[in-house]
Structure formats: C-alpha cells, structure tokens
Amino acid sequence: MMTMTMTGMLLEVKGLSVAYPAAAAPAAVRDVSFNLVAGSVLGVIGESGSGKTSLALALMGLLDTASARIAGEARFEGRELLGLSEKEMCRIRGSGMAMIFQDPVASLDPAMRVLDQVAETLRLHRGLDRKQARSLAGGELRKVGIEPELLEAAPYAHQLSGGQCQRAMIAAALACGPRLLIADEPTSSLDVTLQAQVVALLRERCRQDDIAMIFISHDLPLVSTVADEVMVMYRGGVVEHGACRQVLTNPSHQFTAEMIAAVADGQERGGATVAPA
C-alpha cells in the first residue's frame, strides 16, 4: 500500500548535489529541489552533461559512494533515501522505485532469456517461485506488446529489435508495481516512430496504474508530449521549473528559450514540433 507524507508528496527532493572529486570538475548536480505527487509526470530536460543522469542515479542509490559525493535530501514516501545501505535500497528498488536505462540492449543480459529476466525481478522483490514468476512475467510482457510466440522464436535480447528490447525493459521495471518510475533517455537509441510508441506506452501504463514518472531527455518535443511539469537543467543546476505549457510558451530563462527556438528552427526545416501539454 502506498504511504503518503503529511505534505501529500510521493517524492521530495531538497538541495540535492552530486560531485565527483576525482574528476576535478564542477558538481554534476547542484542544489536541485523538486516535489512529485503520485501519478504525475516530471520531464527533466537539458543538454548532455547537464546532470540529468547523475540526478537519477543518486535517487536510485546507484552511484558509487567511493567516487561520488552526495549531499541534500531525497524522501520517498517520507523515508530519506540518501545514506540507506545497499540492502535497504534493494527493498525499495523494483517494488517502490524502478528505472529504465538509455540502452535497452546493453541493459539486458545477453546470456539470459528475456522472460527469465523479467521473472527474476518478480522472484527477487515478491518472493515468487520460478513457475509463478515466469507466468506473471509473461503477462507483463504481453501488456507491453511482446507476445509469447515472439519470445519462443527469439528468446534472447540480441534476437529482438531495439524497440522490443525497450518494451521488455519497461515490463521488467513495472512488473512489481512501483510507485515511481525514472526513465532516463528511454528512447534515445530508437527511431522516431518507435520513440512515439514507447512514450505512448509509458504514458498509458503510468496513467493506468497511477505511477509517478521522472522522464529524462534532451528532446524537448518528446518531453512536451508526456510531461505535466518540466524542469530544465543547465550545468548541474535547475534554471527553470514549472507547468509544461507555461515553460514551453513563456520561458523565463535564456537557455530554455534557446532550446525552444532551436526546435522552431528545426520545424521550419521539417523537424519535430513542441506540443504543450
């Protein structure tokens, strides 16, 4: 059962910073704060190196604390995430929070059947036996458009297309019913048609199951089709954050305005358009 905080927030992030001292570079994430309610979608946008992925990995507890310095607060359902042990974070990942990574093919084990990889998530977080887990995993894969017949003919990741692998990753991420999904550039390796299909699938599943999502991308038109709110990152910090329509039609920061202008220029040349939510 989902536990809400006194403020009604699912996720509360305050002053989150991430630095990599060995890199001798400015902090990758600087004093980032935002809140997220159940069922809402926050689009996080910025150019490469703006800190988007470091932010996601810090929230998921996937940064190596030997090389990364993390400060601030991040409360999920009222519980502070930063500083939890790996054992404690493992209990939260999958059943509470889940993440979809940029490269679906690289994220899947090439030596393990895709069905078994989704089933493994269910066995780990829900304590199911192999038969039960495989049965439920098959159902989760069908929900994302991967039928049993396909996996019988092509059971391994390298036998599937990039779009099919990403659908399998979505099935694995959603299998245990997380309340928060972090999607880090989930369509960057896909063509435009497949991008639209994956975004539509994510949007449908999140609305259907009341899952909050942090959708990370450098693609402004793509973010505009899925997000309720947009947070713009630049050089590790947040330069703009607000309702999607407000940010896209009346940006307050020069960097945001330049991104929108670049999209408009691409539109004149036959590129994608920004669609305010």
C-alpha atoms as a PDB file:
ATOM      1  CA  MET A   1       0.000   0.000   0.000  1.00  0.00           C
ATOM      2  CA  MET A   2       1.307   3.449  -0.870  1.00  0.00           C
ATOM      3  CA  THR A   3       2.256   5.702   2.021  1.00  0.00           C
ATOM      4  CA  MET A   4       1.840   9.416   1.510  1.00  0.00           C
ATOM      5  CA  THR A   5       3.682  12.063   3.519  1.00  0.00           C
ATOM      6  CA  MET A   6       1.961  14.771   5.535  1.00  0.00           C
ATOM      7  CA  THR A   7       2.502  17.066   2.552  1.00  0.00           C
ATOM      8  CA  GLY A   8       0.888  14.571   0.156  1.00  0.00           C
ATOM      9  CA  MET A   9       4.121  14.177  -1.800  1.00  0.00           C
ATOM     10  CA  LEU A  10       5.441  10.882  -3.112  1.00  0.00           C
ATOM     11  CA  LEU A  11       8.970  12.236  -3.630  1.00  0.00           C
ATOM     12  CA  GLU A  12      10.532  15.298  -2.005  1.00  0.00           C
ATOM     13  CA  VAL A  13      13.996  16.390  -3.110  1.00  0.00           C
ATOM     14  CA  LYS A  14      15.739  19.288  -1.370  1.00  0.00           C
ATOM     15  CA  GLY A  15      19.152  20.733  -2.177  1.00  0.00           C
ATOM     16  CA  LEU A  16      20.432  17.576  -3.847  1.00  0.00           C
ATOM     17  CA  SER A  17      24.028  17.862  -5.062  1.00  0.00           C
ATOM     18  CA  VAL A  18      26.368  15.323  -6.639  1.00  0.00           C
ATOM     19  CA  ALA A  19      30.099  15.822  -7.162  1.00  0.00           C
ATOM     20  CA  TYR A  20      32.875  13.580  -8.460  1.00  0.00           C
ATOM     21  CA  PRO A  21      36.047  14.851  -6.720  1.00  0.00           C
ATOM     22  CA  ALA A  22      38.422  12.776  -8.852  1.00  0.00           C
ATOM     23  CA  ALA A  23      37.103  14.462 -11.996  1.00  0.00           C
ATOM     24  CA  ALA A  24      38.332  17.864 -10.786  1.00  0.00           C
ATOM     25  CA  ALA A  25      35.227  19.412 -12.323  1.00  0.00           C
ATOM     26  CA  PRO A  26      32.272  21.432 -11.017  1.00  0.00           C
ATOM     27  CA  ALA A  27      29.490  19.498  -9.270  1.00  0.00           C
ATOM     28  CA  ALA A  28      27.466  17.371 -11.680  1.00  0.00           C
ATOM     29  CA  VAL A  29      24.260  18.245  -9.793  1.00  0.00           C
ATOM     30  CA  ARG A  30      23.943  21.497  -7.836  1.00  0.00           C
ATOM     31  CA  ASP A  31      21.289  22.214  -5.211  1.00  0.00           C
ATOM     32  CA  VAL A  32      18.352  20.586  -7.036  1.00  0.00           C
ATOM     33  CA  SER A  33      14.935  20.678  -5.358  1.00  0.00           C
ATOM     34  CA  PHE A  34      11.541  19.461  -6.549  1.00  0.00           C
ATOM     35  CA  ASN A  35       8.453  17.551  -5.403  1.00  0.00           C
ATOM     36  CA  LEU A  36       6.445  14.845  -7.146  1.00  0.00           C
ATOM     37  CA  VAL A  37       2.922  13.638  -6.407  1.00  0.00           C
ATOM     38  CA  ALA A  38       1.533  10.213  -7.257  1.00  0.00           C
ATOM     39  CA  GLY A  39       0.525   9.797 -10.886  1.00  0.00           C
ATOM     40  CA  SER A  40       2.260  12.947 -12.133  1.00  0.00           C
ATOM     41  CA  VAL A  41       4.994  13.172 -14.771  1.00  0.00           C
ATOM     42  CA  LEU A  42       8.019  15.427 -14.410  1.00  0.00           C
ATOM     43  CA  GLY A  43      10.041  15.984 -17.559  1.00  0.00           C
ATOM     44  CA  VAL A  44      13.718  16.692 -16.869  1.00  0.00           C
ATOM     45  CA  ILE A  45      15.420  18.216 -19.853  1.00  0.00           C
ATOM     46  CA  GLY A  46      18.882  19.517 -20.591  1.00  0.00           C
ATOM     47  CA  GLU A  47      21.850  19.055 -22.853  1.00  0.00           C
ATOM     48  CA  SER A  48      24.399  16.262 -22.405  1.00  0.00           C
ATOM     49  CA  GLY A  49      26.421  16.792 -19.242  1.00  0.00           C
ATOM     50  CA  SER A  50      23.754  18.872 -17.515  1.00  0.00           C
ATOM     51  CA  GLY A  51      23.453  16.418 -14.607  1.00  0.00           C
ATOM     52  CA  LYS A  52      20.243  14.603 -15.550  1.00  0.00           C
ATOM     53  CA  THR A  53      21.606  11.066 -15.288  1.00  0.00           C
ATOM     54  CA  SER A  54      23.615  11.783 -12.132  1.00  0.00           C
ATOM     55  CA  LEU A  55      20.385  13.059 -10.562  1.00  0.00           C
ATOM     56  CA  ALA A  56      18.549   9.845 -11.483  1.00  0.00           C
ATOM     57  CA  LEU A  57      21.327   7.551 -10.283  1.00  0.00           C
ATOM     58  CA  ALA A  58      21.577   9.418  -6.983  1.00  0.00           C
ATOM     59  CA  LEU A  59      17.844   8.983  -6.362  1.00  0.00           C
ATOM     60  CA  MET A  60      18.073   5.269  -7.160  1.00  0.00           C
ATOM     61  CA  GLY A  61      21.116   4.760  -4.941  1.00  0.00           C
ATOM     62  CA  LEU A  62      23.185   3.570  -7.885  1.00  0.00           C
ATOM     63  CA  LEU A  63      26.171   5.901  -7.548  1.00  0.00           C
ATOM     64  CA  ASP A  64      29.432   4.549  -6.172  1.00  0.00           C
ATOM     65  CA  THR A  65      29.852   6.410  -2.888  1.00  0.00           C
ATOM     66  CA  ALA A  66      33.604   5.827  -3.114  1.00  0.00           C
ATOM     67  CA  SER A  67      33.798   8.163  -6.116  1.00  0.00           C
ATOM     68  CA  ALA A  68      30.674  10.327  -5.765  1.00  0.00           C
ATOM     69  CA  ARG A  69      29.850  12.830  -3.034  1.00  0.00           C
ATOM     70  CA  ILE A  70      26.107  13.228  -2.486  1.00  0.00           C
ATOM     71  CA  ALA A  71      24.504  15.904  -0.309  1.00  0.00           C
ATOM     72  CA  GLY A  72      20.983  17.132   0.364  1.00  0.00           C
ATOM     73  CA  GLU A  73      17.725  15.295   0.991  1.00  0.00           C
ATOM     74  CA  ALA A  74      15.584  12.896  -1.026  1.00  0.00           C
ATOM     75  CA  ARG A  75      12.497  11.481   0.681  1.00  0.00           C
ATOM     76  CA  PHE A  76      10.415   8.766  -0.939  1.00  0.00           C
ATOM     77  CA  GLU A  77       7.067   8.217   0.793  1.00  0.00           C
ATOM     78  CA  GLY A  78       8.515  10.129   3.733  1.00  0.00           C
ATOM     79  CA  ARG A  79      11.645   7.993   4.032  1.00  0.00           C
ATOM     80  CA  GLU A  80      15.075   9.508   3.482  1.00  0.00           C
ATOM     81  CA  LEU A  81      16.854   7.672   0.647  1.00  0.00           C
ATOM     82  CA  LEU A  82      20.319   9.191   0.868  1.00  0.00           C
ATOM     83  CA  GLY A  83      22.515   7.224   3.206  1.00  0.00           C
ATOM     84  CA  LEU A  84      20.500   3.992   3.079  1.00  0.00           C
ATOM     85  CA  SER A  85      22.508   0.793   2.825  1.00  0.00           C
ATOM     86  CA  GLU A  86      22.513  -1.217  -0.390  1.00  0.00           C
ATOM     87  CA  LYS A  87      20.361  -3.859   1.326  1.00  0.00           C
ATOM     88  CA  GLU A  88      17.787  -1.230   2.299  1.00  0.00           C
ATOM     89  CA  MET A  89      17.769   0.317  -1.184  1.00  0.00           C
ATOM     90  CA  CYS A  90      17.260  -3.107  -2.755  1.00  0.00           C
ATOM     91  CA  ARG A  91      13.989  -3.379  -0.861  1.00  0.00           C
ATOM     92  CA  ILE A  92      12.834  -0.085  -2.368  1.00  0.00           C
ATOM     93  CA  ARG A  93      14.034  -0.671  -5.925  1.00  0.00           C
ATOM     94  CA  GLY A  94      11.585  -2.607  -8.048  1.00  0.00           C
ATOM     95  CA  SER A  95       8.616  -2.555  -5.701  1.00  0.00           C
ATOM     96  CA  GLY A  96       8.838   1.140  -4.777  1.00  0.00           C
ATOM     97  CA  MET A  97      11.046   2.806  -7.377  1.00  0.00           C
ATOM     98  CA  ALA A  98      12.209   1.489 -10.734  1.00  0.00           C
ATOM     99  CA  MET A  99      14.407   2.794 -13.524  1.00  0.00           C
ATOM    100  CA  ILE A 100      14.591   2.364 -17.286  1.00  0.00           C
ATOM    101  CA  PHE A 101      18.035   2.999 -18.766  1.00  0.00           C
ATOM    102  CA  GLN A 102      19.193   4.564 -22.020  1.00  0.00           C
ATOM    103  CA  ASP A 103      20.425   1.482 -23.874  1.00  0.00           C
ATOM    104  CA  PRO A 104      17.910  -1.386 -23.644  1.00  0.00           C
ATOM    105  CA  VAL A 105      20.102  -3.919 -25.437  1.00  0.00           C
ATOM    106  CA  ALA A 106      23.080  -3.269 -23.144  1.00  0.00           C
ATOM    107  CA  SER A 107      20.815  -3.321 -20.072  1.00  0.00           C
ATOM    108  CA  LEU A 108      19.561  -6.845 -20.783  1.00  0.00           C
ATOM    109  CA  ASP A 109      21.707  -9.901 -20.038  1.00  0.00           C
ATOM    110  CA  PRO A 110      22.635 -11.427 -23.424  1.00  0.00           C
ATOM    111  CA  ALA A 111      23.030 -14.906 -21.891  1.00  0.00           C
ATOM    112  CA  MET A 112      19.662 -14.989 -20.119  1.00  0.00           C
ATOM    113  CA  ARG A 113      16.235 -15.389 -21.699  1.00  0.00           C
ATOM    114  CA  VAL A 114      14.235 -12.161 -21.661  1.00  0.00           C
ATOM    115  CA  LEU A 115      11.281 -13.882 -19.981  1.00  0.00           C
ATOM    116  CA  ASP A 116      13.549 -15.112 -17.196  1.00  0.00           C
ATOM    117  CA  GLN A 117      14.998 -11.629 -16.672  1.00  0.00           C
ATOM    118  CA  VAL A 118      11.546 -10.177 -16.060  1.00  0.00           C
ATOM    119  CA  ALA A 119      10.703 -13.182 -13.876  1.00  0.00           C
ATOM    120  CA  GLU A 120      13.879 -12.666 -11.837  1.00  0.00           C
ATOM    121  CA  THR A 121      12.635  -9.226 -10.819  1.00  0.00           C
ATOM    122  CA  LEU A 122       9.411 -10.786  -9.519  1.00  0.00           C
ATOM    123  CA  ARG A 123      11.280 -13.518  -7.660  1.00  0.00           C
ATOM    124  CA  LEU A 124      13.615 -11.005  -6.023  1.00  0.00           C
ATOM    125  CA  HIS A 125      11.022  -8.467  -4.899  1.00  0.00           C
ATOM    126  CA  ARG A 126       7.893 -10.586  -4.425  1.00  0.00           C
ATOM    127  CA  GLY A 127       9.343 -13.901  -3.307  1.00  0.00           C
ATOM    128  CA  LEU A 128       7.620 -15.952  -6.007  1.00  0.00           C
ATOM    129  CA  ASP A 129       8.785 -19.379  -7.123  1.00  0.00           C
ATOM    130  CA  ARG A 130      10.106 -19.847 -10.653  1.00  0.00           C
ATOM    131  CA  LYS A 131       6.827 -21.070 -12.153  1.00  0.00           C
ATOM    132  CA  GLN A 132       4.743 -18.262 -10.644  1.00  0.00           C
ATOM    133  CA  ALA A 133       7.294 -15.639 -11.614  1.00  0.00           C
ATOM    134  CA  ARG A 134       7.509 -16.828 -15.229  1.00  0.00           C
ATOM    135  CA  SER A 135       3.727 -16.851 -15.530  1.00  0.00           C
ATOM    136  CA  LEU A 136       3.398 -13.281 -14.237  1.00  0.00           C
ATOM    137  CA  ALA A 137       6.386 -12.168 -16.312  1.00  0.00           C
ATOM    138  CA  GLY A 138       4.680 -13.435 -19.451  1.00  0.00           C
ATOM    139  CA  GLY A 139       1.628 -11.360 -18.549  1.00  0.00           C
ATOM    140  CA  GLU A 140       3.732  -8.241 -18.012  1.00  0.00           C
ATOM    141  CA  LEU A 141       5.437  -8.729 -21.365  1.00  0.00           C
ATOM    142  CA  ARG A 142       2.079  -9.120 -23.102  1.00  0.00           C
ATOM    143  CA  LYS A 143       0.966  -5.811 -21.571  1.00  0.00           C
ATOM    144  CA  VAL A 144       3.798  -4.072 -23.408  1.00  0.00           C
ATOM    145  CA  GLY A 145       3.116  -5.828 -26.710  1.00  0.00           C
ATOM    146  CA  ILE A 146       5.530  -8.769 -26.542  1.00  0.00           C
ATOM    147  CA  GLU A 147       3.627 -11.997 -27.146  1.00  0.00           C
ATOM    148  CA  PRO A 148       4.788 -15.478 -26.034  1.00  0.00           C
ATOM    149  CA  GLU A 149       5.157 -16.571 -29.644  1.00  0.00           C
ATOM    150  CA  LEU A 150       7.789 -13.895 -30.219  1.00  0.00           C
ATOM    151  CA  LEU A 151       9.840 -14.970 -27.212  1.00  0.00           C
ATOM    152  CA  GLU A 152       9.613 -18.607 -28.246  1.00  0.00           C
ATOM    153  CA  ALA A 153      11.149 -17.714 -31.610  1.00  0.00           C
ATOM    154  CA  ALA A 154      13.550 -15.092 -30.251  1.00  0.00           C
ATOM    155  CA  PRO A 155      14.132 -15.674 -26.536  1.00  0.00           C
ATOM    156  CA  TYR A 156      17.315 -13.610 -26.154  1.00  0.00           C
ATOM    157  CA  ALA A 157      17.855  -9.849 -26.268  1.00  0.00           C
ATOM    158  CA  HIS A 158      20.202  -9.922 -29.254  1.00  0.00           C
ATOM    159  CA  GLN A 159      17.424 -11.582 -31.282  1.00  0.00           C
ATOM    160  CA  LEU A 160      14.994  -8.730 -30.651  1.00  0.00           C
ATOM    161  CA  SER A 161      14.816  -5.256 -32.147  1.00  0.00           C
ATOM    162  CA  GLY A 162      15.783  -2.173 -30.130  1.00  0.00           C
ATOM    163  CA  GLY A 163      12.135  -1.283 -29.671  1.00  0.00           C
ATOM    164  CA  GLN A 164      11.274  -4.781 -28.472  1.00  0.00           C
ATOM    165  CA  CYS A 165      14.167  -4.721 -26.001  1.00  0.00           C
ATOM    166  CA  GLN A 166      12.974  -1.394 -24.625  1.00  0.00           C
ATOM    167  CA  ARG A 167       9.476  -2.809 -24.199  1.00  0.00           C
ATOM    168  CA  ALA A 168      10.991  -5.725 -22.294  1.00  0.00           C
ATOM    169  CA  MET A 169      12.841  -3.277 -20.039  1.00  0.00           C
ATOM    170  CA  ILE A 170       9.578  -1.436 -19.373  1.00  0.00           C
ATOM    171  CA  ALA A 171       7.914  -4.752 -18.466  1.00  0.00           C
ATOM    172  CA  ALA A 172      10.743  -5.567 -16.039  1.00  0.00           C
ATOM    173  CA  ALA A 173      10.599  -2.097 -14.475  1.00  0.00           C
ATOM    174  CA  LEU A 174       6.826  -2.177 -13.966  1.00  0.00           C
ATOM    175  CA  ALA A 175       6.482  -5.853 -13.031  1.00  0.00           C
ATOM    176  CA  CYS A 176       6.484  -5.276  -9.258  1.00  0.00           C
ATOM    177  CA  GLY A 177       4.150  -2.290  -9.316  1.00  0.00           C
ATOM    178  CA  PRO A 178       6.486   0.597  -8.425  1.00  0.00           C
ATOM    179  CA  ARG A 179       5.003   3.926  -7.380  1.00  0.00           C
ATOM    180  CA  LEU A 180       7.796   5.880  -9.076  1.00  0.00           C
ATOM    181  CA  LEU A 181       9.407   5.211 -12.454  1.00  0.00           C
ATOM    182  CA  ILE A 182      12.562   7.007 -13.582  1.00  0.00           C
ATOM    183  CA  ALA A 183      13.019   6.816 -17.354  1.00  0.00           C
ATOM    184  CA  ASP A 184      16.492   8.013 -18.355  1.00  0.00           C
ATOM    185  CA  GLU A 185      16.567   8.810 -22.085  1.00  0.00           C
ATOM    186  CA  PRO A 186      14.418   5.705 -22.728  1.00  0.00           C
ATOM    187  CA  THR A 187      14.059   6.379 -26.452  1.00  0.00           C
ATOM    188  CA  SER A 188      17.479   7.795 -27.363  1.00  0.00           C
ATOM    189  CA  SER A 189      18.516   4.644 -29.245  1.00  0.00           C
ATOM    190  CA  LEU A 190      15.228   4.322 -31.169  1.00  0.00           C
ATOM    191  CA  ASP A 191      13.984   5.833 -34.415  1.00  0.00           C
ATOM    192  CA  VAL A 192      11.248   8.477 -34.372  1.00  0.00           C
ATOM    193  CA  THR A 193       8.370   6.040 -34.928  1.00  0.00           C
ATOM    194  CA  LEU A 194       9.488   3.737 -32.135  1.00  0.00           C
ATOM    195  CA  GLN A 195      10.091   6.733 -29.864  1.00  0.00           C
ATOM    196  CA  ALA A 196       6.447   7.744 -30.176  1.00  0.00           C
ATOM    197  CA  GLN A 197       5.281   4.181 -29.482  1.00  0.00           C
ATOM    198  CA  VAL A 198       7.431   3.805 -26.349  1.00  0.00           C
ATOM    199  CA  VAL A 199       6.396   7.206 -24.963  1.00  0.00           C
ATOM    200  CA  ALA A 200       2.719   6.392 -25.579  1.00  0.00           C
ATOM    201  CA  LEU A 201       3.180   3.060 -23.788  1.00  0.00           C
ATOM    202  CA  LEU A 202       4.846   4.686 -20.783  1.00  0.00           C
ATOM    203  CA  ARG A 203       2.176   7.369 -20.586  1.00  0.00           C
ATOM    204  CA  GLU A 204      -0.629   4.795 -20.768  1.00  0.00           C
ATOM    205  CA  ARG A 205       0.841   2.498 -18.110  1.00  0.00           C
ATOM    206  CA  CYS A 206       1.587   5.359 -15.713  1.00  0.00           C
ATOM    207  CA  ARG A 207      -1.935   6.749 -16.013  1.00  0.00           C
ATOM    208  CA  GLN A 208      -3.499   3.296 -15.744  1.00  0.00           C
ATOM    209  CA  ASP A 209      -1.554   2.330 -12.602  1.00  0.00           C
ATOM    210  CA  ASP A 210      -1.211   5.813 -11.053  1.00  0.00           C
ATOM    211  CA  ILE A 211       2.580   5.699 -11.302  1.00  0.00           C
ATOM    212  CA  ALA A 212       4.596   8.893 -10.993  1.00  0.00           C
ATOM    213  CA  MET A 213       7.356   9.259 -13.574  1.00  0.00           C
ATOM    214  CA  ILE A 214      10.516  11.280 -13.985  1.00  0.00           C
ATOM    215  CA  PHE A 215      11.076  11.363 -17.755  1.00  0.00           C
ATOM    216  CA  ILE A 216      14.629  12.431 -18.595  1.00  0.00           C
ATOM    217  CA  SER A 217      15.536  13.575 -22.083  1.00  0.00           C
ATOM    218  CA  HIS A 218      17.400  16.115 -24.176  1.00  0.00           C
ATOM    219  CA  ASP A 219      14.488  16.014 -26.647  1.00  0.00           C
ATOM    220  CA  LEU A 220      12.125  18.901 -25.876  1.00  0.00           C
ATOM    221  CA  PRO A 221       9.353  17.895 -28.322  1.00  0.00           C
ATOM    222  CA  LEU A 222       9.318  14.393 -26.847  1.00  0.00           C
ATOM    223  CA  VAL A 223       9.109  15.673 -23.271  1.00  0.00           C
ATOM    224  CA  SER A 224       6.278  18.016 -24.230  1.00  0.00           C
ATOM    225  CA  THR A 225       4.089  15.035 -25.204  1.00  0.00           C
ATOM    226  CA  VAL A 226       4.288  13.296 -21.830  1.00  0.00           C
ATOM    227  CA  ALA A 227       5.116  15.722 -19.001  1.00  0.00           C
ATOM    228  CA  ASP A 228       2.807  17.611 -16.642  1.00  0.00           C
ATOM    229  CA  GLU A 229       5.719  19.713 -15.395  1.00  0.00           C
ATOM    230  CA  VAL A 230       9.123  20.452 -16.909  1.00  0.00           C
ATOM    231  CA  MET A 231      12.393  21.007 -15.071  1.00  0.00           C
ATOM    232  CA  VAL A 232      15.225  22.432 -17.162  1.00  0.00           C
ATOM    233  CA  MET A 233      18.788  21.633 -16.083  1.00  0.00           C
ATOM    234  CA  TYR A 234      21.884  23.513 -17.184  1.00  0.00           C
ATOM    235  CA  ARG A 235      25.414  22.839 -15.925  1.00  0.00           C
ATOM    236  CA  GLY A 236      24.125  20.825 -12.995  1.00  0.00           C
ATOM    237  CA  GLY A 237      21.531  23.275 -11.746  1.00  0.00           C
ATOM    238  CA  VAL A 238      17.833  23.881 -12.318  1.00  0.00           C
ATOM    239  CA  VAL A 239      17.290  27.066 -14.320  1.00  0.00           C
ATOM    240  CA  GLU A 240      13.552  26.681 -14.839  1.00  0.00           C
ATOM    241  CA  HIS A 241      10.727  24.573 -13.422  1.00  0.00           C
ATOM    242  CA  GLY A 242       7.010  24.866 -13.972  1.00  0.00           C
ATOM    243  CA  ALA A 243       3.901  23.599 -15.713  1.00  0.00           C
ATOM    244  CA  CYS A 244       4.749  22.201 -19.133  1.00  0.00           C
ATOM    245  CA  ARG A 245       2.560  24.646 -21.063  1.00  0.00           C
ATOM    246  CA  GLN A 246       3.867  27.629 -19.105  1.00  0.00           C
ATOM    247  CA  VAL A 247       7.523  26.744 -19.609  1.00  0.00           C
ATOM    248  CA  LEU A 248       7.139  25.987 -23.314  1.00  0.00           C
ATOM    249  CA  THR A 249       5.044  29.045 -24.195  1.00  0.00           C
ATOM    250  CA  ASN A 250       6.595  31.596 -21.842  1.00  0.00           C
ATOM    251  CA  PRO A 251      10.126  30.543 -20.819  1.00  0.00           C
ATOM    252  CA  SER A 252      11.836  32.658 -18.192  1.00  0.00           C
ATOM    253  CA  HIS A 253      15.433  31.552 -18.796  1.00  0.00           C
ATOM    254  CA  GLN A 254      17.567  32.187 -21.847  1.00  0.00           C
ATOM    255  CA  PHE A 255      18.689  28.564 -22.127  1.00  0.00           C
ATOM    256  CA  THR A 256      15.074  27.337 -22.267  1.00  0.00           C
ATOM    257  CA  ALA A 257      14.213  29.985 -24.841  1.00  0.00           C
ATOM    258  CA  GLU A 258      17.187  28.924 -26.961  1.00  0.00           C
ATOM    259  CA  MET A 259      16.088  25.265 -26.849  1.00  0.00           C
ATOM    260  CA  ILE A 260      12.584  26.209 -27.961  1.00  0.00           C
ATOM    261  CA  ALA A 261      13.982  28.438 -30.714  1.00  0.00           C
ATOM    262  CA  ALA A 262      16.181  25.566 -31.922  1.00  0.00           C
ATOM    263  CA  VAL A 263      13.115  23.306 -32.139  1.00  0.00           C
ATOM    264  CA  ALA A 264      11.209  26.015 -34.021  1.00  0.00           C
ATOM    265  CA  ASP A 265      14.106  26.309 -36.443  1.00  0.00           C
ATOM    266  CA  GLY A 266      14.071  22.554 -36.953  1.00  0.00           C
ATOM    267  CA  GLN A 267      10.311  22.688 -37.524  1.00  0.00           C
ATOM    268  CA  GLU A 268      10.808  25.127 -40.378  1.00  0.00           C
ATOM    269  CA  ARG A 269      13.197  22.601 -41.871  1.00  0.00           C
ATOM    270  CA  GLY A 270      10.720  19.750 -41.432  1.00  0.00           C
ATOM    271  CA  GLY A 271      11.686  18.597 -37.917  1.00  0.00           C
ATOM    272  CA  ALA A 272       9.644  17.791 -34.804  1.00  0.00           C
ATOM    273  CA  THR A 273       7.311  20.249 -33.117  1.00  0.00           C
ATOM    274  CA  VAL A 274       6.751  21.125 -29.486  1.00  0.00           C
ATOM    275  CA  ALA A 275       3.298  20.161 -28.256  1.00  0.00           C
ATOM    276  CA  PRO A 276       2.448  21.879 -24.963  1.00  0.00           C
ATOM    277  CA  ALA A 277       0.553  19.589 -22.577  1.00  0.00           C
END
